[in-house]
């Protein structure tokens, strides 16, 4: 039997997979109309992902990692400059 936490986690994984799929498809598409439609789908998917994420946070199904320190952020920035 599935509980709410498992269903929310499964849904988030599915939505995240769809976002990755759109991210892979959009730059490979030459047709402007198709590219535009895929971007619309991706944006709707991102909105759904945010809504599900907020539900997961509100029910304590998901606890985000601690925010990075300024030193950690500077270190990462230095890796790319």
PDB file of N, CA and C in Angstrom:
ATOM      1  N   UNK A   1       0.840  -1.182   0.000  1.00  0.00           N
ATOM      2  CA  UNK A   1       0.000   0.000   0.000  1.00  0.00           C
ATOM      3  C   UNK A   1       0.885   1.246   0.000  1.00  0.00           C
ATOM      4  N   UNK A   2       0.575   2.161  -0.885  1.00  0.00           N
ATOM      5  CA  UNK A   2       1.354   3.387  -0.980  1.00  0.00           C
ATOM      6  C   UNK A   2       0.825   4.428  -0.008  1.00  0.00           C
ATOM      7  N   UNK A   3       1.756   5.113   0.628  1.00  0.00           N
ATOM      8  CA  UNK A   3       1.347   6.217   1.495  1.00  0.00           C
ATOM      9  C   UNK A   3       1.564   7.537   0.755  1.00  0.00           C
ATOM     10  N   UNK A   4       1.078   8.620   1.353  1.00  0.00           N
ATOM     11  CA  UNK A   4       1.171   9.941   0.710  1.00  0.00           C
ATOM     12  C   UNK A   4       2.609  10.319   0.393  1.00  0.00           C
ATOM     13  N   UNK A   5       3.513  10.063   1.323  1.00  0.00           N
ATOM     14  CA  UNK A   5       4.910  10.456   1.136  1.00  0.00           C
ATOM     15  C   UNK A   5       5.506   9.752  -0.084  1.00  0.00           C
ATOM     16  N   UNK A   6       5.227   8.476  -0.239  1.00  0.00           N
ATOM     17  CA  UNK A   6       5.745   7.717  -1.381  1.00  0.00           C
ATOM     18  C   UNK A   6       5.154   8.226  -2.685  1.00  0.00           C
ATOM     19  N   UNK A   7       3.859   8.521  -2.692  1.00  0.00           N
ATOM     20  CA  UNK A   7       3.224   9.018  -3.908  1.00  0.00           C
ATOM     21  C   UNK A   7       3.774  10.385  -4.305  1.00  0.00           C
ATOM     22  N   UNK A   8       4.006  11.261  -3.338  1.00  0.00           N
ATOM     23  CA  UNK A   8       4.566  12.579  -3.634  1.00  0.00           C
ATOM     24  C   UNK A   8       5.987  12.425  -4.180  1.00  0.00           C
ATOM     25  N   UNK A   9       6.780  11.562  -3.561  1.00  0.00           N
ATOM     26  CA  UNK A   9       8.156  11.344  -4.023  1.00  0.00           C
ATOM     27  C   UNK A   9       8.168  10.767  -5.440  1.00  0.00           C
ATOM     28  N   UNK A  10       7.305   9.796  -5.704  1.00  0.00           N
ATOM     29  CA  UNK A  10       7.230   9.215  -7.046  1.00  0.00           C
ATOM     30  C   UNK A  10       6.806  10.250  -8.076  1.00  0.00           C
ATOM     31  N   UNK A  11       5.854  11.085  -7.712  1.00  0.00           N
ATOM     32  CA  UNK A  11       5.381  12.127  -8.628  1.00  0.00           C
ATOM     33  C   UNK A  11       6.496  13.119  -8.926  1.00  0.00           C
ATOM     34  N   UNK A  12       7.220  13.527  -7.901  1.00  0.00           N
ATOM     35  CA  UNK A  12       8.345  14.457  -8.115  1.00  0.00           C
ATOM     36  C   UNK A  12       9.399  13.837  -9.023  1.00  0.00           C
ATOM     37  N   UNK A  13       9.698  12.565  -8.816  1.00  0.00           N
ATOM     38  CA  UNK A  13      10.695  11.903  -9.667  1.00  0.00           C
ATOM     39  C   UNK A  13      10.223  11.881 -11.118  1.00  0.00           C
ATOM     40  N   UNK A  14       8.937  11.616 -11.331  1.00  0.00           N
ATOM     41  CA  UNK A  14       8.402  11.605 -12.684  1.00  0.00           C
ATOM     42  C   UNK A  14       8.460  12.969 -13.341  1.00  0.00           C
ATOM     43  N   UNK A  15       8.077  13.996 -12.607  1.00  0.00           N
ATOM     44  CA  UNK A  15       8.105  15.359 -13.148  1.00  0.00           C
ATOM     45  C   UNK A  15       9.544  15.773 -13.438  1.00  0.00           C
ATOM     46  N   UNK A  16      10.464  15.444 -12.547  1.00  0.00           N
ATOM     47  CA  UNK A  16      11.869  15.789 -12.772  1.00  0.00           C
ATOM     48  C   UNK A  16      12.412  15.081 -14.018  1.00  0.00           C
ATOM     49  N   UNK A  17      11.965  13.858 -14.242  1.00  0.00           N
ATOM     50  CA  UNK A  17      12.368  13.115 -15.437  1.00  0.00           C
ATOM     51  C   UNK A  17      11.842  13.807 -16.698  1.00  0.00           C
ATOM     52  N   UNK A  18      10.599  14.276 -16.640  1.00  0.00           N
ATOM     53  CA  UNK A  18      10.037  14.994 -17.782  1.00  0.00           C
ATOM     54  C   UNK A  18      10.799  16.287 -18.045  1.00  0.00           C
ATOM     55  N   UNK A  19      11.176  16.996 -16.983  1.00  0.00           N
ATOM     56  CA  UNK A  19      11.945  18.230 -17.163  1.00  0.00           C
ATOM     57  C   UNK A  19      13.269  17.943 -17.856  1.00  0.00           C
ATOM     58  N   UNK A  20      13.919  16.871 -17.469  1.00  0.00           N
ATOM     59  CA  UNK A  20      15.183  16.492 -18.110  1.00  0.00           C
ATOM     60  C   UNK A  20      14.945  16.172 -19.582  1.00  0.00           C
ATOM     61  N   UNK A  21      13.855  15.462 -19.852  1.00  0.00           N
ATOM     62  CA  UNK A  21      13.527  15.106 -21.235  1.00  0.00           C
ATOM     63  C   UNK A  21      13.349  16.367 -22.088  1.00  0.00           C
ATOM     64  N   UNK A  22      12.586  17.346 -21.571  1.00  0.00           N
ATOM     65  CA  UNK A  22      12.397  18.585 -22.321  1.00  0.00           C
ATOM     66  C   UNK A  22      13.729  19.305 -22.502  1.00  0.00           C
ATOM     67  N   UNK A  23      14.556  19.304 -21.468  1.00  0.00           N
ATOM     68  CA  UNK A  23      15.866  19.944 -21.564  1.00  0.00           C
ATOM     69  C   UNK A  23      16.743  19.316 -22.626  1.00  0.00           C
ATOM     70  N   UNK A  24      16.573  18.016 -22.845  1.00  0.00           N
ATOM     71  CA  UNK A  24      17.332  17.327 -23.884  1.00  0.00           C
ATOM     72  C   UNK A  24      16.745  17.588 -25.275  1.00  0.00           C
ATOM     73  N   UNK A  25      15.430  17.682 -25.361  1.00  0.00           N
ATOM     74  CA  UNK A  25      14.760  17.800 -26.662  1.00  0.00           C
ATOM     75  C   UNK A  25      14.825  19.209 -27.245  1.00  0.00           C
ATOM     76  N   UNK A  26      14.656  20.218 -26.415  1.00  0.00           N
ATOM     77  CA  UNK A  26      14.529  21.594 -26.919  1.00  0.00           C
ATOM     78  C   UNK A  26      15.728  22.025 -27.766  1.00  0.00           C
ATOM     79  N   UNK A  27      16.961  21.862 -27.296  1.00  0.00           N
ATOM     80  CA  UNK A  27      18.076  22.339 -28.123  1.00  0.00           C
ATOM     81  C   UNK A  27      18.304  21.509 -29.394  1.00  0.00           C
ATOM     82  N   UNK A  28      17.711  20.339 -29.477  1.00  0.00           N
ATOM     83  CA  UNK A  28      17.898  19.485 -30.650  1.00  0.00           C
ATOM     84  C   UNK A  28      16.819  19.693 -31.706  1.00  0.00           C
ATOM     85  N   UNK A  29      15.854  20.539 -31.410  1.00  0.00           N
ATOM     86  CA  UNK A  29      14.726  20.762 -32.307  1.00  0.00           C
ATOM     87  C   UNK A  29      14.992  21.959 -33.205  1.00  0.00           C
ATOM     88  N   UNK A  30      14.848  21.748 -34.509  1.00  0.00           N
ATOM     89  CA  UNK A  30      15.074  22.843 -35.459  1.00  0.00           C
ATOM     90  C   UNK A  30      13.804  23.614 -35.780  1.00  0.00           C
ATOM     91  N   UNK A  31      12.649  22.980 -35.668  1.00  0.00           N
ATOM     92  CA  UNK A  31      11.385  23.605 -36.011  1.00  0.00           C
ATOM     93  C   UNK A  31      11.002  24.629 -34.932  1.00  0.00           C
ATOM     94  N   UNK A  32      10.911  25.916 -35.277  1.00  0.00           N
ATOM     95  CA  UNK A  32      10.605  26.948 -34.277  1.00  0.00           C
ATOM     96  C   UNK A  32       9.279  26.724 -33.551  1.00  0.00           C
ATOM     97  N   UNK A  33       8.263  26.261 -34.289  1.00  0.00           N
ATOM     98  CA  UNK A  33       6.964  26.035 -33.659  1.00  0.00           C
ATOM     99  C   UNK A  33       7.033  24.913 -32.628  1.00  0.00           C
ATOM    100  N   UNK A  34       7.714  23.828 -32.995  1.00  0.00           N
ATOM    101  CA  UNK A  34       7.864  22.712 -32.065  1.00  0.00           C
ATOM    102  C   UNK A  34       8.700  23.126 -30.854  1.00  0.00           C
ATOM    103  N   UNK A  35       9.760  23.873 -31.104  1.00  0.00           N
ATOM    104  CA  UNK A  35      10.604  24.343 -30.009  1.00  0.00           C
ATOM    105  C   UNK A  35       9.800  25.194 -29.037  1.00  0.00           C
ATOM    106  N   UNK A  36       8.964  26.076 -29.580  1.00  0.00           N
ATOM    107  CA  UNK A  36       8.127  26.935 -28.751  1.00  0.00           C
ATOM    108  C   UNK A  36       7.140  26.111 -27.925  1.00  0.00           C
ATOM    109  N   UNK A  37       6.518  25.108 -28.544  1.00  0.00           N
ATOM    110  CA  UNK A  37       5.550  24.260 -27.850  1.00  0.00           C
ATOM    111  C   UNK A  37       6.245  23.451 -26.754  1.00  0.00           C
ATOM    112  N   UNK A  38       7.427  22.928 -27.028  1.00  0.00           N
ATOM    113  CA  UNK A  38       8.173  22.176 -26.022  1.00  0.00           C
ATOM    114  C   UNK A  38       8.550  23.068 -24.836  1.00  0.00           C
ATOM    115  N   UNK A  39       8.887  24.313 -25.112  1.00  0.00           N
ATOM    116  CA  UNK A  39       9.193  25.256 -24.036  1.00  0.00           C
ATOM    117  C   UNK A  39       7.963  25.526 -23.185  1.00  0.00           C
ATOM    118  N   UNK A  40       6.793  25.626 -23.826  1.00  0.00           N
ATOM    119  CA  UNK A  40       5.548  25.815 -23.073  1.00  0.00           C
ATOM    120  C   UNK A  40       5.298  24.607 -22.158  1.00  0.00           C
ATOM    121  N   UNK A  41       5.484  23.402 -22.710  1.00  0.00           N
ATOM    122  CA  UNK A  41       5.304  22.192 -21.905  1.00  0.00           C
ATOM    123  C   UNK A  41       6.289  22.165 -20.737  1.00  0.00           C
ATOM    124  N   UNK A  42       7.544  22.544 -21.015  1.00  0.00           N
ATOM    125  CA  UNK A  42       8.557  22.563 -19.961  1.00  0.00           C
ATOM    126  C   UNK A  42       8.175  23.557 -18.864  1.00  0.00           C
ATOM    127  N   UNK A  43       7.686  24.736 -19.256  1.00  0.00           N
ATOM    128  CA  UNK A  43       7.299  25.739 -18.267  1.00  0.00           C
ATOM    129  C   UNK A  43       6.139  25.250 -17.405  1.00  0.00           C
ATOM    130  N   UNK A  44       5.167  24.590 -18.023  1.00  0.00           N
ATOM    131  CA  UNK A  44       4.048  24.027 -17.259  1.00  0.00           C
ATOM    132  C   UNK A  44       4.536  22.937 -16.313  1.00  0.00           C
ATOM    133  N   UNK A  45       5.467  22.147 -16.787  1.00  0.00           N
ATOM    134  CA  UNK A  45       6.041  21.073 -15.979  1.00  0.00           C
ATOM    135  C   UNK A  45       6.804  21.664 -14.788  1.00  0.00           C
ATOM    136  N   UNK A  46       7.534  22.751 -15.011  1.00  0.00           N
ATOM    137  CA  UNK A  46       8.252  23.410 -13.922  1.00  0.00           C
ATOM    138  C   UNK A  46       7.284  23.957 -12.882  1.00  0.00           C
ATOM    139  N   UNK A  47       6.155  24.492 -13.327  1.00  0.00           N
ATOM    140  CA  UNK A  47       5.151  24.989 -12.380  1.00  0.00           C
ATOM    141  C   UNK A  47       4.587  23.843 -11.554  1.00  0.00           C
ATOM    142  N   UNK A  48       4.313  22.719 -12.198  1.00  0.00           N
ATOM    143  CA  UNK A  48       3.817  21.545 -11.469  1.00  0.00           C
ATOM    144  C   UNK A  48       4.851  21.051 -10.469  1.00  0.00           C
ATOM    145  N   UNK A  49       6.100  21.025 -10.897  1.00  0.00           N
ATOM    146  CA  UNK A  49       7.171  20.570 -10.010  1.00  0.00           C
ATOM    147  C   UNK A  49       7.247  21.458  -8.774  1.00  0.00           C
ATOM    148  N   UNK A  50       7.133  22.757  -8.954  1.00  0.00           N
ATOM    149  CA  UNK A  50       7.192  23.692  -7.825  1.00  0.00           C
ATOM    150  C   UNK A  50       6.018  23.477  -6.876  1.00  0.00           C
ATOM    151  N   UNK A  51       4.832  23.267  -7.423  1.00  0.00           N
ATOM    152  CA  UNK A  51       3.653  23.030  -6.579  1.00  0.00           C
ATOM    153  C   UNK A  51       3.801  21.746  -5.766  1.00  0.00           C
ATOM    154  N   UNK A  52       4.264  20.696  -6.414  1.00  0.00           N
ATOM    155  CA  UNK A  52       4.453  19.419  -5.709  1.00  0.00           C
ATOM    156  C   UNK A  52       5.549  19.548  -4.664  1.00  0.00           C
ATOM    157  N   UNK A  53       6.616  20.259  -5.005  1.00  0.00           N
ATOM    158  CA  UNK A  53       7.707  20.494  -4.058  1.00  0.00           C
ATOM    159  C   UNK A  53       7.188  21.233  -2.815  1.00  0.00           C
ATOM    160  N   UNK A  54       6.357  22.244  -3.024  1.00  0.00           N
ATOM    161  CA  UNK A  54       5.823  23.001  -1.883  1.00  0.00           C
ATOM    162  C   UNK A  54       4.943  22.115  -1.004  1.00  0.00           C
ATOM    163  N   UNK A  55       4.171  21.236  -1.623  1.00  0.00           N
ATOM    164  CA  UNK A  55       3.367  20.289  -0.842  1.00  0.00           C
ATOM    165  C   UNK A  55       4.284  19.378  -0.024  1.00  0.00           C
ATOM    166  N   UNK A  56       5.312  18.854  -0.662  1.00  0.00           N
ATOM    167  CA  UNK A  56       6.257  17.970   0.036  1.00  0.00           C
ATOM    168  C   UNK A  56       6.923  18.689   1.206  1.00  0.00           C
ATOM    169  N   UNK A  57       7.316  19.930   1.004  1.00  0.00           N
ATOM    170  CA  UNK A  57       7.940  20.707   2.089  1.00  0.00           C
ATOM    171  C   UNK A  57       6.953  20.961   3.213  1.00  0.00           C
ATOM    172  N   UNK A  58       5.710  21.308   2.867  1.00  0.00           N
ATOM    173  CA  UNK A  58       4.724  21.651   3.898  1.00  0.00           C
ATOM    174  C   UNK A  58       4.378  20.451   4.770  1.00  0.00           C
ATOM    175  N   UNK A  59       4.489  19.260   4.210  1.00  0.00           N
ATOM    176  CA  UNK A  59       4.174  18.046   4.967  1.00  0.00           C
ATOM    177  C   UNK A  59       5.427  17.386   5.545  1.00  0.00           C
ATOM    178  N   UNK A  60       6.570  18.064   5.392  1.00  0.00           N
ATOM    179  CA  UNK A  60       7.868  17.555   5.855  1.00  0.00           C
ATOM    180  C   UNK A  60       8.249  16.235   5.190  1.00  0.00           C
ATOM    181  N   UNK A  61       7.760  16.034   3.957  1.00  0.00           N
ATOM    182  CA  UNK A  61       8.178  14.863   3.185  1.00  0.00           C
ATOM    183  C   UNK A  61       9.548  15.096   2.573  1.00  0.00           C
ATOM    184  N   UNK A  62       9.893  16.364   2.427  1.00  0.00           N
ATOM    185  CA  UNK A  62      11.167  16.738   1.839  1.00  0.00           C
ATOM    186  C   UNK A  62      11.761  17.852   2.683  1.00  0.00           C
ATOM    187  N   UNK A  63      12.992  17.653   3.082  1.00  0.00           N
ATOM    188  CA  UNK A  63      13.719  18.676   3.840  1.00  0.00           C
ATOM    189  C   UNK A  63      14.953  19.025   3.014  1.00  0.00           C
ATOM    190  N   UNK A  64      15.037  20.259   2.516  1.00  0.00           N
ATOM    191  CA  UNK A  64      16.177  20.624   1.675  1.00  0.00           C
ATOM    192  C   UNK A  64      17.478  20.646   2.462  1.00  0.00           C
ATOM    193  N   UNK A  65      18.550  20.516   1.730  1.00  0.00           N
ATOM    194  CA  UNK A  65      19.876  20.595   2.341  1.00  0.00           C
ATOM    195  C   UNK A  65      20.091  21.994   2.904  1.00  0.00           C
ATOM    196  N   UNK A  66      21.004  22.086   3.845  1.00  0.00           N
ATOM    197  CA  UNK A  66      21.339  23.386   4.428  1.00  0.00           C
ATOM    198  C   UNK A  66      21.908  24.294   3.343  1.00  0.00           C
ATOM    199  N   UNK A  67      21.640  25.578   3.479  1.00  0.00           N
ATOM    200  CA  UNK A  67      22.145  26.539   2.499  1.00  0.00           C
ATOM    201  C   UNK A  67      23.666  26.607   2.590  1.00  0.00           C
ATOM    202  N   UNK A  68      24.294  26.743   1.431  1.00  0.00           N
ATOM    203  CA  UNK A  68      25.744  26.825   1.365  1.00  0.00           C
ATOM    204  C   UNK A  68      26.239  28.097   2.046  1.00  0.00           C
ATOM    205  N   UNK A  69      27.414  27.993   2.638  1.00  0.00           N
ATOM    206  CA  UNK A  69      28.029  29.165   3.262  1.00  0.00           C
ATOM    207  C   UNK A  69      28.628  30.046   2.168  1.00  0.00           C
ATOM    208  N   UNK A  70      28.942  31.272   2.520  1.00  0.00           N
ATOM    209  CA  UNK A  70      29.559  32.196   1.570  1.00  0.00           C
ATOM    210  C   UNK A  70      30.892  31.616   1.075  1.00  0.00           C
ATOM    211  N   UNK A  71      31.640  31.009   1.970  1.00  0.00           N
ATOM    212  CA  UNK A  71      32.926  30.408   1.589  1.00  0.00           C
ATOM    213  C   UNK A  71      32.722  29.280   0.568  1.00  0.00           C
ATOM    214  N   UNK A  72      31.720  28.453   0.774  1.00  0.00           N
ATOM    215  CA  UNK A  72      31.444  27.365  -0.161  1.00  0.00           C
ATOM    216  C   UNK A  72      31.030  27.912  -1.527  1.00  0.00           C
ATOM    217  N   UNK A  73      30.216  28.963  -1.527  1.00  0.00           N
ATOM    218  CA  UNK A  73      29.793  29.548  -2.794  1.00  0.00           C
ATOM    219  C   UNK A  73      30.986  30.160  -3.535  1.00  0.00           C
ATOM    220  N   UNK A  74      31.851  30.842  -2.802  1.00  0.00           N
ATOM    221  CA  UNK A  74      33.032  31.434  -3.441  1.00  0.00           C
ATOM    222  C   UNK A  74      33.942  30.365  -4.023  1.00  0.00           C
ATOM    223  N   UNK A  75      34.065  29.246  -3.314  1.00  0.00           N
ATOM    224  CA  UNK A  75      34.893  28.142  -3.808  1.00  0.00           C
ATOM    225  C   UNK A  75      34.345  27.616  -5.142  1.00  0.00           C
ATOM    226  N   UNK A  76      33.049  27.399  -5.215  1.00  0.00           N
ATOM    227  CA  UNK A  76      32.441  26.900  -6.437  1.00  0.00           C
ATOM    228  C   UNK A  76      32.593  27.923  -7.565  1.00  0.00           C
ATOM    229  N   UNK A  77      32.382  29.201  -7.254  1.00  0.00           N
ATOM    230  CA  UNK A  77      32.558  30.242  -8.269  1.00  0.00           C
ATOM    231  C   UNK A  77      33.981  30.244  -8.812  1.00  0.00           C
ATOM    232  N   UNK A  78      34.944  30.044  -7.920  1.00  0.00           N
ATOM    233  CA  UNK A  78      36.349  30.049  -8.345  1.00  0.00           C
ATOM    234  C   UNK A  78      36.665  28.893  -9.281  1.00  0.00           C
ATOM    235  N   UNK A  79      35.928  27.811  -9.168  1.00  0.00           N
ATOM    236  CA  UNK A  79      36.148  26.665 -10.057  1.00  0.00           C
ATOM    237  C   UNK A  79      35.773  26.973 -11.502  1.00  0.00           C
ATOM    238  N   UNK A  80      34.868  27.940 -11.681  1.00  0.00           N
ATOM    239  CA  UNK A  80      34.376  28.253 -13.012  1.00  0.00           C
ATOM    240  C   UNK A  80      34.893  29.581 -13.557  1.00  0.00           C
ATOM    241  N   UNK A  81      35.830  30.178 -12.890  1.00  0.00           N
ATOM    242  CA  UNK A  81      36.354  31.451 -13.413  1.00  0.00           C
ATOM    243  C   UNK A  81      37.812  31.368 -13.730  1.00  0.00           C
TER     244      UNK A  81
END
